[in-house]
Amino acid sequence: MRKTYFSTRVYKNMLPEKYNDSISHTLLLFSRSKHFAFQTQVLEKRSNESRRKKSLHLTVKERFQLNDHYAGSAIQEANALIQSQNELRKMYIENKEVQMTSVKKKIKSTRRHLTTLLKIKQSFVNGNPKFNQNSREQQVGHFFVVKFYKKTDIYYHAYQFEHDYLDVQIAHFKNRLGRLKFRLDRLQKQVKSLKHNSNSVVFGTKKLFKAQHTIENYQNDHQQWRKDWEQARYHQMTISGRKDAKVGNFVFCYIPEKQKLQFITPDGTKIEIDNLVFPYGQEQVDHSIETQMSCKNKKKYGKPIAWSVEDHGDYYIFKCCSRKPSKKF
């Protein structure tokens, strides 16, 4: 089982300015490449035609000037998002089909009740009231009764029963049947759309995108909204690990003895983060990296270690994702 460990906060004012600029540029570049990889595959699926002459990896690599590791991780993140959307789509379809089954049962039941009431109504029109033996509406002597679960309504003459009960119930069930048919038609169209359409994704969340028009602070200060919007869209990246890498990752290198994290950004800046500790998992992180470094046959027994960087405004959070050591009994 894989587990993610969070580092302590790394405040930007404690880092050189060139580090902050390079990391911000890297997060922007990585996020845009991920968005491009995702949207390209969505558009290709919708149109059933390729929008590129080269592979997606080479296209992303050349378009955003990334090396193989950054480009591969961006595409992997996009593919994971597509897979997640597909799983969600399957779940939505299953839920809609369950709802359709329930609506169909209600339509059948409503039609049955309506048919019974219409037959009784027609018998009153013909001047010879008749009731189904199993219906809750019955004639007892000169009275007409309607038996419910916890009560019984009594109508003292045919005119009262016909106009105060039958007409009202017939109108009610007709309206109910119309609403149920409308809902069934809507659910069928939704299922058809889910099966044949590929939905896109709003990076940065739909809620924040709509907030520029719905929240007063953003309506009065569009620049503030744009700042928060870009922060939500471009604040995180994840570099997947490789089991054949010396420390489980070809971009990030963590030195347990010095508690130092090193990585090179796409613009060539070498970042060194000193005193990077993991308050809830330092031993596990150290153990994972030391085990990977001491592994002689990495291609067969090596374990990949993924790293993430998150920008939280005034500080960064680094995450290490490694396999949790199995318990020994």
C-alpha atoms as a PDB file:
ATOM      1  CA  MET A   1       0.000   0.000   0.000  1.00  0.00           C
ATOM      2  CA  ARG A   2       1.276   3.448  -0.924  1.00  0.00           C
ATOM      3  CA  LYS A   3       1.224   6.288   1.567  1.00  0.00           C
ATOM      4  CA  THR A   4       1.893  10.017   1.205  1.00  0.00           C
ATOM      5  CA  TYR A   5       3.949  11.905   3.783  1.00  0.00           C
ATOM      6  CA  PHE A   6       3.765  15.700   4.185  1.00  0.00           C
ATOM      7  CA  SER A   7       6.778  17.836   4.933  1.00  0.00           C
ATOM      8  CA  THR A   8       6.879  20.844   7.223  1.00  0.00           C
ATOM      9  CA  ARG A   9       6.213  24.243   5.680  1.00  0.00           C
ATOM     10  CA  VAL A  10       9.003  25.736   3.611  1.00  0.00           C
ATOM     11  CA  TYR A  11       8.454  29.486   3.692  1.00  0.00           C
ATOM     12  CA  LYS A  12       9.292  31.419   0.552  1.00  0.00           C
ATOM     13  CA  ASN A  13      10.981  34.271   2.428  1.00  0.00           C
ATOM     14  CA  MET A  14      13.560  31.755   3.671  1.00  0.00           C
ATOM     15  CA  LEU A  15      14.535  30.750   0.116  1.00  0.00           C
ATOM     16  CA  PRO A  16      16.558  32.644  -2.497  1.00  0.00           C
ATOM     17  CA  GLU A  17      14.399  34.669  -4.859  1.00  0.00           C
ATOM     18  CA  LYS A  18      15.644  32.702  -7.869  1.00  0.00           C
ATOM     19  CA  TYR A  19      14.364  29.503  -6.225  1.00  0.00           C
ATOM     20  CA  ASN A  20      10.872  30.949  -5.827  1.00  0.00           C
ATOM     21  CA  ASP A  21      10.832  32.253  -9.401  1.00  0.00           C
ATOM     22  CA  SER A  22      12.039  28.946 -10.797  1.00  0.00           C
ATOM     23  CA  ILE A  23       9.597  26.847  -8.758  1.00  0.00           C
ATOM     24  CA  SER A  24       6.663  29.113  -9.717  1.00  0.00           C
ATOM     25  CA  HIS A  25       7.634  28.868 -13.383  1.00  0.00           C
ATOM     26  CA  THR A  26       7.941  25.075 -13.073  1.00  0.00           C
ATOM     27  CA  LEU A  27       4.495  24.713 -11.488  1.00  0.00           C
ATOM     28  CA  LEU A  28       2.986  26.907 -14.218  1.00  0.00           C
ATOM     29  CA  LEU A  29       4.710  24.975 -16.999  1.00  0.00           C
ATOM     30  CA  PHE A  30       3.862  21.565 -15.549  1.00  0.00           C
ATOM     31  CA  SER A  31       0.200  22.471 -14.972  1.00  0.00           C
ATOM     32  CA  ARG A  32      -0.224  23.871 -18.469  1.00  0.00           C
ATOM     33  CA  SER A  33       1.353  20.797 -20.007  1.00  0.00           C
ATOM     34  CA  LYS A  34      -0.995  18.583 -17.968  1.00  0.00           C
ATOM     35  CA  HIS A  35      -4.008  20.654 -19.056  1.00  0.00           C
ATOM     36  CA  PHE A  36      -2.866  20.461 -22.684  1.00  0.00           C
ATOM     37  CA  ALA A  37      -2.374  16.685 -22.533  1.00  0.00           C
ATOM     38  CA  PHE A  38      -5.800  16.187 -21.000  1.00  0.00           C
ATOM     39  CA  GLN A  39      -7.670  18.520 -23.345  1.00  0.00           C
ATOM     40  CA  THR A  40      -5.908  17.142 -26.429  1.00  0.00           C
ATOM     41  CA  GLN A  41      -7.041  13.601 -25.648  1.00  0.00           C
ATOM     42  CA  VAL A  42     -10.605  14.780 -24.916  1.00  0.00           C
ATOM     43  CA  LEU A  43     -10.835  16.671 -28.206  1.00  0.00           C
ATOM     44  CA  GLU A  44      -9.378  13.743 -30.135  1.00  0.00           C
ATOM     45  CA  LYS A  45     -11.930  11.395 -28.617  1.00  0.00           C
ATOM     46  CA  ARG A  46     -14.793  13.756 -29.471  1.00  0.00           C
ATOM     47  CA  SER A  47     -13.707  14.245 -33.088  1.00  0.00           C
ATOM     48  CA  ASN A  48     -12.299  10.711 -33.630  1.00  0.00           C
ATOM     49  CA  GLU A  49      -9.231  12.189 -35.321  1.00  0.00           C
ATOM     50  CA  SER A  50      -5.691  12.930 -34.228  1.00  0.00           C
ATOM     51  CA  ARG A  51      -4.661  16.550 -33.658  1.00  0.00           C
ATOM     52  CA  ARG A  52      -0.935  15.905 -33.762  1.00  0.00           C
ATOM     53  CA  LYS A  53       1.653  14.342 -36.016  1.00  0.00           C
ATOM     54  CA  LYS A  54       3.854  12.982 -33.208  1.00  0.00           C
ATOM     55  CA  SER A  55       3.185  11.035 -30.061  1.00  0.00           C
ATOM     56  CA  LEU A  56       1.598  12.890 -27.162  1.00  0.00           C
ATOM     57  CA  HIS A  57       4.817  12.593 -25.164  1.00  0.00           C
ATOM     58  CA  LEU A  58       6.926  14.221 -27.873  1.00  0.00           C
ATOM     59  CA  THR A  59       4.257  16.838 -28.538  1.00  0.00           C
ATOM     60  CA  VAL A  60       4.149  17.901 -24.887  1.00  0.00           C
ATOM     61  CA  LYS A  61       7.911  17.721 -24.556  1.00  0.00           C
ATOM     62  CA  GLU A  62       8.540  19.996 -27.551  1.00  0.00           C
ATOM     63  CA  ARG A  63       5.647  22.372 -26.965  1.00  0.00           C
ATOM     64  CA  PHE A  64       6.559  23.151 -23.348  1.00  0.00           C
ATOM     65  CA  GLN A  65      10.323  22.531 -23.530  1.00  0.00           C
ATOM     66  CA  LEU A  66      10.296  19.826 -20.859  1.00  0.00           C
ATOM     67  CA  ASN A  67      12.564  16.852 -20.381  1.00  0.00           C
ATOM     68  CA  ASP A  68      11.262  13.285 -20.510  1.00  0.00           C
ATOM     69  CA  HIS A  69      10.603  13.033 -16.775  1.00  0.00           C
ATOM     70  CA  TYR A  70       8.531  16.215 -16.472  1.00  0.00           C
ATOM     71  CA  ALA A  71       6.628  15.524 -19.703  1.00  0.00           C
ATOM     72  CA  GLY A  72       5.975  11.904 -18.770  1.00  0.00           C
ATOM     73  CA  SER A  73       4.668  12.873 -15.333  1.00  0.00           C
ATOM     74  CA  ALA A  74       2.383  15.557 -16.803  1.00  0.00           C
ATOM     75  CA  ILE A  75       0.892  13.047 -19.236  1.00  0.00           C
ATOM     76  CA  GLN A  76       0.563  10.461 -16.474  1.00  0.00           C
ATOM     77  CA  GLU A  77      -1.356  12.987 -14.355  1.00  0.00           C
ATOM     78  CA  ALA A  78      -3.623  13.775 -17.324  1.00  0.00           C
ATOM     79  CA  ASN A  79      -4.221  10.071 -17.985  1.00  0.00           C
ATOM     80  CA  ALA A  80      -5.027   9.488 -14.310  1.00  0.00           C
ATOM     81  CA  LEU A  81      -7.588  12.284 -14.490  1.00  0.00           C
ATOM     82  CA  ILE A  82      -9.137  10.794 -17.623  1.00  0.00           C
ATOM     83  CA  GLN A  83      -9.327   7.385 -15.964  1.00  0.00           C
ATOM     84  CA  SER A  84     -10.923   8.985 -12.909  1.00  0.00           C
ATOM     85  CA  GLN A  85     -13.496  10.706 -15.135  1.00  0.00           C
ATOM     86  CA  ASN A  86     -14.263   7.399 -16.840  1.00  0.00           C
ATOM     87  CA  GLU A  87     -14.802   5.664 -13.503  1.00  0.00           C
ATOM     88  CA  LEU A  88     -17.031   8.508 -12.353  1.00  0.00           C
ATOM     89  CA  ARG A  89     -18.967   8.281 -15.616  1.00  0.00           C
ATOM     90  CA  LYS A  90     -19.578   4.560 -15.047  1.00  0.00           C
ATOM     91  CA  MET A  91     -20.771   5.272 -11.526  1.00  0.00           C
ATOM     92  CA  TYR A  92     -23.083   8.056 -12.750  1.00  0.00           C
ATOM     93  CA  ILE A  93     -24.531   5.773 -15.434  1.00  0.00           C
ATOM     94  CA  GLU A  94     -25.189   3.027 -12.874  1.00  0.00           C
ATOM     95  CA  ASN A  95     -26.898   5.529 -10.551  1.00  0.00           C
ATOM     96  CA  LYS A  96     -29.032   6.907 -13.383  1.00  0.00           C
ATOM     97  CA  GLU A  97     -30.075   3.409 -14.448  1.00  0.00           C
ATOM     98  CA  VAL A  98     -31.106   2.594 -10.876  1.00  0.00           C
ATOM     99  CA  GLN A  99     -33.154   5.798 -10.826  1.00  0.00           C
ATOM    100  CA  MET A 100     -34.710   4.871 -14.177  1.00  0.00           C
ATOM    101  CA  THR A 101     -35.760   1.476 -12.793  1.00  0.00           C
ATOM    102  CA  SER A 102     -37.362   3.170  -9.793  1.00  0.00           C
ATOM    103  CA  VAL A 103     -39.199   5.700 -12.010  1.00  0.00           C
ATOM    104  CA  LYS A 104     -40.477   2.933 -14.283  1.00  0.00           C
ATOM    105  CA  LYS A 105     -41.915   1.104 -11.276  1.00  0.00           C
ATOM    106  CA  LYS A 106     -43.619   4.291 -10.142  1.00  0.00           C
ATOM    107  CA  ILE A 107     -45.013   4.860 -13.653  1.00  0.00           C
ATOM    108  CA  LYS A 108     -46.411   1.316 -13.686  1.00  0.00           C
ATOM    109  CA  SER A 109     -47.995   1.755 -10.260  1.00  0.00           C
ATOM    110  CA  THR A 110     -49.417   5.172 -11.171  1.00  0.00           C
ATOM    111  CA  ARG A 111     -50.911   3.855 -14.394  1.00  0.00           C
ATOM    112  CA  ARG A 112     -52.520   0.985 -12.490  1.00  0.00           C
ATOM    113  CA  HIS A 113     -54.149   3.335 -10.000  1.00  0.00           C
ATOM    114  CA  LEU A 114     -55.230   5.727 -12.754  1.00  0.00           C
ATOM    115  CA  THR A 115     -56.776   2.929 -14.804  1.00  0.00           C
ATOM    116  CA  THR A 116     -58.754   1.739 -11.779  1.00  0.00           C
ATOM    117  CA  LEU A 117     -60.048   5.242 -11.084  1.00  0.00           C
ATOM    118  CA  LEU A 118     -60.970   5.835 -14.723  1.00  0.00           C
ATOM    119  CA  LYS A 119     -62.984   2.600 -14.800  1.00  0.00           C
ATOM    120  CA  ILE A 120     -64.836   3.606 -11.641  1.00  0.00           C
ATOM    121  CA  LYS A 121     -65.458   7.054 -13.100  1.00  0.00           C
ATOM    122  CA  GLN A 122     -66.857   5.558 -16.311  1.00  0.00           C
ATOM    123  CA  SER A 123     -69.175   3.319 -14.315  1.00  0.00           C
ATOM    124  CA  PHE A 124     -70.535   6.416 -12.550  1.00  0.00           C
ATOM    125  CA  VAL A 125     -71.051   8.128 -15.920  1.00  0.00           C
ATOM    126  CA  ASN A 126     -72.958   5.049 -17.106  1.00  0.00           C
ATOM    127  CA  GLY A 127     -75.131   5.251 -14.003  1.00  0.00           C
ATOM    128  CA  ASN A 128     -74.068   1.867 -12.644  1.00  0.00           C
ATOM    129  CA  PRO A 129     -71.181   2.323 -10.125  1.00  0.00           C
ATOM    130  CA  LYS A 130     -68.779  -0.618 -10.103  1.00  0.00           C
ATOM    131  CA  PHE A 131     -65.647  -1.218  -8.065  1.00  0.00           C
ATOM    132  CA  ASN A 132     -62.757  -3.638  -8.341  1.00  0.00           C
ATOM    133  CA  GLN A 133     -62.801  -6.205  -5.611  1.00  0.00           C
ATOM    134  CA  ASN A 134     -59.249  -5.381  -4.452  1.00  0.00           C
ATOM    135  CA  SER A 135     -59.378  -1.596  -4.799  1.00  0.00           C
ATOM    136  CA  ARG A 136     -59.469   0.619  -1.725  1.00  0.00           C
ATOM    137  CA  GLU A 137     -62.588   2.361  -3.083  1.00  0.00           C
ATOM    138  CA  GLN A 138     -65.770   0.428  -2.274  1.00  0.00           C
ATOM    139  CA  GLN A 139     -69.512   0.939  -1.870  1.00  0.00           C
ATOM    140  CA  VAL A 140     -70.978  -0.042   1.490  1.00  0.00           C
ATOM    141  CA  GLY A 141     -74.752   0.196   1.415  1.00  0.00           C
ATOM    142  CA  HIS A 142     -75.638   3.739   0.385  1.00  0.00           C
ATOM    143  CA  PHE A 143     -72.201   5.062   1.315  1.00  0.00           C
ATOM    144  CA  PHE A 144     -68.897   5.139  -0.550  1.00  0.00           C
ATOM    145  CA  VAL A 145     -65.709   4.497   1.422  1.00  0.00           C
ATOM    146  CA  VAL A 146     -61.986   4.805   0.684  1.00  0.00           C
ATOM    147  CA  LYS A 147     -59.770   2.698   2.939  1.00  0.00           C
ATOM    148  CA  PHE A 148     -56.296   3.978   3.680  1.00  0.00           C
ATOM    149  CA  TYR A 149     -53.638   2.448   5.905  1.00  0.00           C
ATOM    150  CA  LYS A 150     -54.552   4.412   9.044  1.00  0.00           C
ATOM    151  CA  LYS A 151     -57.949   5.915   8.204  1.00  0.00           C
ATOM    152  CA  THR A 152     -61.119   5.456   6.195  1.00  0.00           C
ATOM    153  CA  ASP A 153     -62.902   8.263   4.345  1.00  0.00           C
ATOM    154  CA  ILE A 154     -66.686   8.111   3.987  1.00  0.00           C
ATOM    155  CA  TYR A 155     -68.714   9.818   1.247  1.00  0.00           C
ATOM    156  CA  TYR A 156     -72.467   9.965   1.790  1.00  0.00           C
ATOM    157  CA  HIS A 157     -73.696  10.059  -1.798  1.00  0.00           C
ATOM    158  CA  ALA A 158     -72.480   9.372  -5.343  1.00  0.00           C
ATOM    159  CA  TYR A 159     -72.152  13.034  -6.383  1.00  0.00           C
ATOM    160  CA  GLN A 160     -69.869  13.817  -3.466  1.00  0.00           C
ATOM    161  CA  PHE A 161     -67.721  10.730  -4.076  1.00  0.00           C
ATOM    162  CA  GLU A 162     -67.454  11.367  -7.823  1.00  0.00           C
ATOM    163  CA  HIS A 163     -66.524  15.047  -7.698  1.00  0.00           C
ATOM    164  CA  ASP A 164     -64.750  15.388  -4.364  1.00  0.00           C
ATOM    165  CA  TYR A 165     -62.737  12.215  -4.642  1.00  0.00           C
ATOM    166  CA  LEU A 166     -62.649  10.621  -8.105  1.00  0.00           C
ATOM    167  CA  ASP A 167     -62.101  13.797 -10.151  1.00  0.00           C
ATOM    168  CA  VAL A 168     -59.459  15.068  -7.752  1.00  0.00           C
ATOM    169  CA  GLN A 169     -57.590  11.745  -7.676  1.00  0.00           C
ATOM    170  CA  ILE A 170     -57.743  11.295 -11.448  1.00  0.00           C
ATOM    171  CA  ALA A 171     -56.279  14.771 -11.980  1.00  0.00           C
ATOM    172  CA  HIS A 172     -53.606  14.050  -9.356  1.00  0.00           C
ATOM    173  CA  PHE A 173     -52.516  10.755 -10.928  1.00  0.00           C
ATOM    174  CA  LYS A 174     -52.506  12.249 -14.442  1.00  0.00           C
ATOM    175  CA  ASN A 175     -50.231  15.047 -13.269  1.00  0.00           C
ATOM    176  CA  ARG A 176     -48.029  12.573 -11.415  1.00  0.00           C
ATOM    177  CA  LEU A 177     -47.800  10.352 -14.498  1.00  0.00           C
ATOM    178  CA  GLY A 178     -46.770  13.322 -16.626  1.00  0.00           C
ATOM    179  CA  ARG A 179     -44.040  14.312 -14.179  1.00  0.00           C
ATOM    180  CA  LEU A 180     -42.726  10.744 -14.007  1.00  0.00           C
ATOM    181  CA  LYS A 181     -42.612  10.464 -17.809  1.00  0.00           C
ATOM    182  CA  PHE A 182     -40.731  13.750 -17.992  1.00  0.00           C
ATOM    183  CA  ARG A 183     -38.230  12.539 -15.385  1.00  0.00           C
ATOM    184  CA  LEU A 184     -37.764   9.224 -17.183  1.00  0.00           C
ATOM    185  CA  ASP A 185     -37.132  11.002 -20.475  1.00  0.00           C
ATOM    186  CA  ARG A 186     -34.619  13.286 -18.772  1.00  0.00           C
ATOM    187  CA  LEU A 187     -32.779  10.359 -17.179  1.00  0.00           C
ATOM    188  CA  GLN A 188     -32.650   8.517 -20.530  1.00  0.00           C
ATOM    189  CA  LYS A 189     -31.124  11.576 -22.202  1.00  0.00           C
ATOM    190  CA  GLN A 190     -28.594  11.940 -19.379  1.00  0.00           C
ATOM    191  CA  VAL A 191     -27.537   8.303 -19.710  1.00  0.00           C
ATOM    192  CA  LYS A 192     -27.207   8.688 -23.476  1.00  0.00           C
ATOM    193  CA  SER A 193     -25.091  11.801 -22.997  1.00  0.00           C
ATOM    194  CA  LEU A 194     -22.872  10.093 -20.415  1.00  0.00           C
ATOM    195  CA  LYS A 195     -22.311   7.097 -22.708  1.00  0.00           C
ATOM    196  CA  HIS A 196     -21.467   9.048 -25.860  1.00  0.00           C
ATOM    197  CA  ASN A 197     -19.967  12.359 -24.685  1.00  0.00           C
ATOM    198  CA  SER A 198     -16.569  13.070 -23.163  1.00  0.00           C
ATOM    199  CA  ASN A 199     -16.876  15.758 -20.533  1.00  0.00           C
ATOM    200  CA  SER A 200     -14.091  18.245 -20.016  1.00  0.00           C
ATOM    201  CA  VAL A 201     -12.723  19.485 -16.688  1.00  0.00           C
ATOM    202  CA  VAL A 202     -12.484  22.989 -15.251  1.00  0.00           C
ATOM    203  CA  PHE A 203      -9.011  23.185 -13.732  1.00  0.00           C
ATOM    204  CA  GLY A 204      -9.306  25.456 -10.738  1.00  0.00           C
ATOM    205  CA  THR A 205     -12.886  24.278  -9.989  1.00  0.00           C
ATOM    206  CA  LYS A 206     -16.185  25.446 -11.448  1.00  0.00           C
ATOM    207  CA  LYS A 207     -17.075  27.068  -8.146  1.00  0.00           C
ATOM    208  CA  LEU A 208     -14.127  29.471  -8.275  1.00  0.00           C
ATOM    209  CA  PHE A 209     -14.654  30.160 -11.977  1.00  0.00           C
ATOM    210  CA  LYS A 210     -18.283  31.176 -11.352  1.00  0.00           C
ATOM    211  CA  ALA A 211     -17.251  33.198  -8.315  1.00  0.00           C
ATOM    212  CA  GLN A 212     -15.981  36.034 -10.544  1.00  0.00           C
ATOM    213  CA  HIS A 213     -19.640  36.805 -11.317  1.00  0.00           C
ATOM    214  CA  THR A 214     -21.324  35.769  -8.053  1.00  0.00           C
ATOM    215  CA  ILE A 215     -19.079  36.965  -5.195  1.00  0.00           C
ATOM    216  CA  GLU A 216     -19.041  40.679  -4.514  1.00  0.00           C
ATOM    217  CA  ASN A 217     -15.325  40.884  -3.667  1.00  0.00           C
ATOM    218  CA  TYR A 218     -14.399  39.341  -7.014  1.00  0.00           C
ATOM    219  CA  GLN A 219     -16.953  41.446  -8.923  1.00  0.00           C
ATOM    220  CA  ASN A 220     -15.335  44.606  -7.577  1.00  0.00           C
ATOM    221  CA  ASP A 221     -11.768  43.352  -7.942  1.00  0.00           C
ATOM    222  CA  HIS A 222     -11.289  41.151 -10.998  1.00  0.00           C
ATOM    223  CA  GLN A 223      -7.501  41.139 -10.582  1.00  0.00           C
ATOM    224  CA  GLN A 224      -7.876  39.494  -7.179  1.00  0.00           C
ATOM    225  CA  TRP A 225     -10.092  36.823  -8.695  1.00  0.00           C
ATOM    226  CA  ARG A 226      -7.591  36.221 -11.479  1.00  0.00           C
ATOM    227  CA  LYS A 227      -4.799  35.865  -8.919  1.00  0.00           C
ATOM    228  CA  ASP A 228      -6.775  33.313  -6.896  1.00  0.00           C
ATOM    229  CA  TRP A 229      -7.877  31.547 -10.084  1.00  0.00           C
ATOM    230  CA  GLU A 230      -4.302  31.109 -11.319  1.00  0.00           C
ATOM    231  CA  GLN A 231      -3.214  30.015  -7.850  1.00  0.00           C
ATOM    232  CA  ALA A 232      -5.865  27.274  -7.904  1.00  0.00           C
ATOM    233  CA  ARG A 233      -4.920  26.158 -11.430  1.00  0.00           C
ATOM    234  CA  TYR A 234      -1.136  26.233 -11.227  1.00  0.00           C
ATOM    235  CA  HIS A 235      -0.235  25.496  -7.602  1.00  0.00           C
ATOM    236  CA  GLN A 236       0.744  21.821  -7.698  1.00  0.00           C
ATOM    237  CA  MET A 237       2.780  19.229  -9.579  1.00  0.00           C
ATOM    238  CA  THR A 238       3.573  15.561  -9.042  1.00  0.00           C
ATOM    239  CA  ILE A 239       6.608  13.822 -10.508  1.00  0.00           C
ATOM    240  CA  SER A 240       6.074  10.090 -10.684  1.00  0.00           C
ATOM    241  CA  GLY A 241       8.772   7.771  -9.437  1.00  0.00           C
ATOM    242  CA  ARG A 242      10.810   5.181 -11.305  1.00  0.00           C
ATOM    243  CA  LYS A 243      11.867   1.906  -9.741  1.00  0.00           C
ATOM    244  CA  ASP A 244      15.150   1.891 -11.697  1.00  0.00           C
ATOM    245  CA  ALA A 245      16.205   5.307 -10.326  1.00  0.00           C
ATOM    246  CA  LYS A 246      18.895   5.420  -7.651  1.00  0.00           C
ATOM    247  CA  VAL A 247      16.591   7.148  -5.133  1.00  0.00           C
ATOM    248  CA  GLY A 248      13.298   6.105  -6.753  1.00  0.00           C
ATOM    249  CA  ASN A 249      12.914   9.319  -8.749  1.00  0.00           C
ATOM    250  CA  PHE A 250      14.915  10.858 -11.588  1.00  0.00           C
ATOM    251  CA  VAL A 251      14.021  14.463 -10.708  1.00  0.00           C
ATOM    252  CA  PHE A 252      13.905  14.634  -6.909  1.00  0.00           C
ATOM    253  CA  CYS A 253      16.733  13.436  -4.696  1.00  0.00           C
ATOM    254  CA  TYR A 254      16.316  13.400  -0.937  1.00  0.00           C
ATOM    255  CA  ILE A 255      19.365  12.862   1.273  1.00  0.00           C
ATOM    256  CA  PRO A 256      18.194  11.347   4.578  1.00  0.00           C
ATOM    257  CA  GLU A 257      21.452  12.021   6.449  1.00  0.00           C
ATOM    258  CA  LYS A 258      21.307  15.754   5.718  1.00  0.00           C
ATOM    259  CA  GLN A 259      17.507  16.018   5.396  1.00  0.00           C
ATOM    260  CA  LYS A 260      18.073  17.853   2.149  1.00  0.00           C
ATOM    261  CA  LEU A 261      15.922  17.751  -0.984  1.00  0.00           C
ATOM    262  CA  GLN A 262      17.459  18.476  -4.376  1.00  0.00           C
ATOM    263  CA  PHE A 263      15.868  18.775  -7.813  1.00  0.00           C
ATOM    264  CA  ILE A 264      16.490  20.544 -11.099  1.00  0.00           C
ATOM    265  CA  THR A 265      13.727  22.628 -12.675  1.00  0.00           C
ATOM    266  CA  PRO A 266      13.076  22.701 -16.455  1.00  0.00           C
ATOM    267  CA  ASP A 267      14.967  26.011 -16.777  1.00  0.00           C
ATOM    268  CA  GLY A 268      18.079  24.368 -15.337  1.00  0.00           C
ATOM    269  CA  THR A 269      17.972  25.835 -11.823  1.00  0.00           C
ATOM    270  CA  LYS A 270      19.244  23.453  -9.165  1.00  0.00           C
ATOM    271  CA  ILE A 271      17.004  23.727  -6.110  1.00  0.00           C
ATOM    272  CA  GLU A 272      18.272  22.677  -2.680  1.00  0.00           C
ATOM    273  CA  ILE A 273      15.882  22.652   0.270  1.00  0.00           C
ATOM    274  CA  ASP A 274      17.718  22.256   3.578  1.00  0.00           C
ATOM    275  CA  ASN A 275      16.198  20.917   6.806  1.00  0.00           C
ATOM    276  CA  LEU A 276      13.222  19.360   5.079  1.00  0.00           C
ATOM    277  CA  VAL A 277      11.596  17.075   7.604  1.00  0.00           C
ATOM    278  CA  PHE A 278       8.441  14.967   7.653  1.00  0.00           C
ATOM    279  CA  PRO A 279       6.919  15.224  11.143  1.00  0.00           C
ATOM    280  CA  TYR A 280       4.553  12.301  10.562  1.00  0.00           C
ATOM    281  CA  GLY A 281       6.626   9.794   8.629  1.00  0.00           C
ATOM    282  CA  GLN A 282      10.307  10.765   8.697  1.00  0.00           C
ATOM    283  CA  GLU A 283      11.390   7.206   9.497  1.00  0.00           C
ATOM    284  CA  GLN A 284       9.254   5.773   6.693  1.00  0.00           C
ATOM    285  CA  VAL A 285      10.630   8.258   4.142  1.00  0.00           C
ATOM    286  CA  ASP A 286      14.216   7.575   5.205  1.00  0.00           C
ATOM    287  CA  HIS A 287      13.625   3.836   5.157  1.00  0.00           C
ATOM    288  CA  SER A 288      12.078   3.914   1.654  1.00  0.00           C
ATOM    289  CA  ILE A 289      14.956   5.906   0.179  1.00  0.00           C
ATOM    290  CA  GLU A 290      17.694   3.939   1.943  1.00  0.00           C
ATOM    291  CA  THR A 291      16.088   0.650   0.873  1.00  0.00           C
ATOM    292  CA  GLN A 292      15.938   1.858  -2.732  1.00  0.00           C
ATOM    293  CA  MET A 293      19.551   3.021  -2.677  1.00  0.00           C
ATOM    294  CA  SER A 294      20.781  -0.289  -1.268  1.00  0.00           C
ATOM    295  CA  CYS A 295      18.761  -2.372  -3.739  1.00  0.00           C
ATOM    296  CA  LYS A 296      21.131  -4.019  -6.215  1.00  0.00           C
ATOM    297  CA  ASN A 297      18.585  -5.207  -8.784  1.00  0.00           C
ATOM    298  CA  LYS A 298      16.420  -2.086  -9.054  1.00  0.00           C
ATOM    299  CA  LYS A 299      14.677  -3.089 -12.289  1.00  0.00           C
ATOM    300  CA  LYS A 300      13.247  -6.143 -10.558  1.00  0.00           C
ATOM    301  CA  TYR A 301      12.956  -5.188  -6.892  1.00  0.00           C
ATOM    302  CA  GLY A 302      13.120  -1.398  -6.937  1.00  0.00           C
ATOM    303  CA  LYS A 303      10.250   0.741  -5.614  1.00  0.00           C
ATOM    304  CA  PRO A 304       9.297   4.065  -7.248  1.00  0.00           C
ATOM    305  CA  ILE A 305       9.025   7.130  -5.021  1.00  0.00           C
ATOM    306  CA  ALA A 306       6.874  10.016  -6.245  1.00  0.00           C
ATOM    307  CA  TRP A 307       7.290  13.625  -5.123  1.00  0.00           C
ATOM    308  CA  SER A 308       4.827  16.514  -5.132  1.00  0.00           C
ATOM    309  CA  VAL A 309       5.235  20.256  -4.702  1.00  0.00           C
ATOM    310  CA  GLU A 310       2.350  22.446  -3.594  1.00  0.00           C
ATOM    311  CA  ASP A 311       2.362  26.255  -3.520  1.00  0.00           C
ATOM    312  CA  HIS A 312       0.254  27.600  -0.638  1.00  0.00           C
ATOM    313  CA  GLY A 313       0.948  31.283  -1.157  1.00  0.00           C
ATOM    314  CA  ASP A 314       3.533  32.100   1.513  1.00  0.00           C
ATOM    315  CA  TYR A 315       5.031  28.633   1.722  1.00  0.00           C
ATOM    316  CA  TYR A 316       5.552  25.312  -0.066  1.00  0.00           C
ATOM    317  CA  ILE A 317       4.608  21.811   1.032  1.00  0.00           C
ATOM    318  CA  PHE A 318       6.599  18.861  -0.317  1.00  0.00           C
ATOM    319  CA  LYS A 319       5.051  15.397  -0.354  1.00  0.00           C
ATOM    320  CA  CYS A 320       6.756  12.042  -0.610  1.00  0.00           C
ATOM    321  CA  CYS A 321       4.666   9.132  -1.835  1.00  0.00           C
ATOM    322  CA  SER A 322       6.224   5.729  -1.208  1.00  0.00           C
ATOM    323  CA  ARG A 323       5.163   2.205  -0.435  1.00  0.00           C
ATOM    324  CA  LYS A 324       4.273   1.683   3.193  1.00  0.00           C
ATOM    325  CA  PRO A 325       6.459  -1.015   4.790  1.00  0.00           C
ATOM    326  CA  SER A 326       4.535  -4.208   5.433  1.00  0.00           C
ATOM    327  CA  LYS A 327       3.977  -5.166   9.039  1.00  0.00           C
ATOM    328  CA  LYS A 328       5.889  -8.137  10.353  1.00  0.00           C
ATOM    329  CA  PHE A 329       4.037 -10.514  12.640  1.00  0.00           C
END
